[in-house]
C-alpha cells in the first residue's frame, strides 16, 4: 500500500466517525461505495502502519 492510498483510508475512516462529514470522504457516494462497505479494521491498521514507516 502506498502512502496516498493509506491517507485515503484514514480520511474515510475519520469522516465516518465525525457527524455530518460524509461528504468529505474520498469514497462518498449514495448509496455507499464498495470501498466503504468493504473497509475493515485490518485495512485501517495497514494504512496506519504504512504511514508510520
C-alpha atoms as a PDB file:
ATOM      1  CA  UNK A   1       0.000   0.000   0.000  1.00  0.00           C
ATOM      2  CA  UNK A   2       1.349   3.431  -0.886  1.00  0.00           C
ATOM      3  CA  UNK A   3       1.066   6.465   1.380  1.00  0.00           C
ATOM      4  CA  UNK A   4      -1.566   8.159  -0.785  1.00  0.00           C
ATOM      5  CA  UNK A   5      -3.885   5.137  -0.528  1.00  0.00           C
ATOM      6  CA  UNK A   6      -3.194   4.931   3.218  1.00  0.00           C
ATOM      7  CA  UNK A   7      -4.220   8.571   3.647  1.00  0.00           C
ATOM      8  CA  UNK A   8      -7.439   7.946   1.702  1.00  0.00           C
ATOM      9  CA  UNK A   9      -8.350   5.089   4.045  1.00  0.00           C
ATOM     10  CA  UNK A  10      -7.545   7.110   7.193  1.00  0.00           C
ATOM     11  CA  UNK A  11      -9.552  10.075   5.881  1.00  0.00           C
ATOM     12  CA  UNK A  12     -12.507   7.864   5.001  1.00  0.00           C
ATOM     13  CA  UNK A  13     -12.481   6.357   8.488  1.00  0.00           C
ATOM     14  CA  UNK A  14     -12.289   9.787  10.122  1.00  0.00           C
ATOM     15  CA  UNK A  15     -15.219  11.038   8.041  1.00  0.00           C
ATOM     16  CA  UNK A  16     -17.303   8.057   9.138  1.00  0.00           C
ATOM     17  CA  UNK A  17     -16.699   8.818  12.801  1.00  0.00           C
ATOM     18  CA  UNK A  18     -17.428  12.559  12.576  1.00  0.00           C
ATOM     19  CA  UNK A  19     -21.059  13.609  12.454  1.00  0.00           C
ATOM     20  CA  UNK A  20     -22.201  15.187   9.159  1.00  0.00           C
ATOM     21  CA  UNK A  21     -18.817  14.713   7.449  1.00  0.00           C
ATOM     22  CA  UNK A  22     -19.698  12.015   4.907  1.00  0.00           C
ATOM     23  CA  UNK A  23     -19.368  14.490   2.020  1.00  0.00           C
ATOM     24  CA  UNK A  24     -15.638  14.910   2.854  1.00  0.00           C
ATOM     25  CA  UNK A  25     -14.951  11.205   2.369  1.00  0.00           C
ATOM     26  CA  UNK A  26     -12.945  10.293  -0.758  1.00  0.00           C
ATOM     27  CA  UNK A  27     -15.292   7.322  -1.230  1.00  0.00           C
ATOM     28  CA  UNK A  28     -18.519   9.280  -0.667  1.00  0.00           C
ATOM     29  CA  UNK A  29     -21.449   8.007  -2.697  1.00  0.00           C
ATOM     30  CA  UNK A  30     -25.162   7.431  -2.256  1.00  0.00           C
ATOM     31  CA  UNK A  31     -25.649   4.510  -1.832  1.00  0.00           C
ATOM     32  CA  UNK A  32     -22.309   3.875  -0.050  1.00  0.00           C
ATOM     33  CA  UNK A  33     -19.477   2.925  -2.356  1.00  0.00           C
ATOM     34  CA  UNK A  34     -17.956  -0.543  -2.497  1.00  0.00           C
ATOM     35  CA  UNK A  35     -14.744   0.752  -0.850  1.00  0.00           C
ATOM     36  CA  UNK A  36     -16.624   1.985   2.207  1.00  0.00           C
ATOM     37  CA  UNK A  37     -18.718  -1.128   2.599  1.00  0.00           C
ATOM     38  CA  UNK A  38     -15.698  -3.403   2.251  1.00  0.00           C
ATOM     39  CA  UNK A  39     -13.303  -1.451   4.516  1.00  0.00           C
ATOM     40  CA  UNK A  40     -12.167  -3.482   7.512  1.00  0.00           C
ATOM     41  CA  UNK A  41     -10.246  -2.813  10.694  1.00  0.00           C
ATOM     42  CA  UNK A  42      -7.293  -4.630   9.096  1.00  0.00           C
ATOM     43  CA  UNK A  43      -7.325  -2.134   6.200  1.00  0.00           C
ATOM     44  CA  UNK A  44      -7.174   0.755   8.662  1.00  0.00           C
ATOM     45  CA  UNK A  45      -4.356  -0.868  10.661  1.00  0.00           C
ATOM     46  CA  UNK A  46      -2.374  -1.494   7.467  1.00  0.00           C
ATOM     47  CA  UNK A  47      -2.839   2.168   6.480  1.00  0.00           C
ATOM     48  CA  UNK A  48      -1.575   3.342   9.876  1.00  0.00           C
ATOM     49  CA  UNK A  49       1.485   1.086   9.632  1.00  0.00           C
ATOM     50  CA  UNK A  50       2.194   2.382   6.114  1.00  0.00           C
ATOM     51  CA  UNK A  51       2.169   5.966   7.328  1.00  0.00           C
ATOM     52  CA  UNK A  52       4.395   5.134  10.300  1.00  0.00           C
ATOM     53  CA  UNK A  53       7.173   3.822   8.047  1.00  0.00           C
END
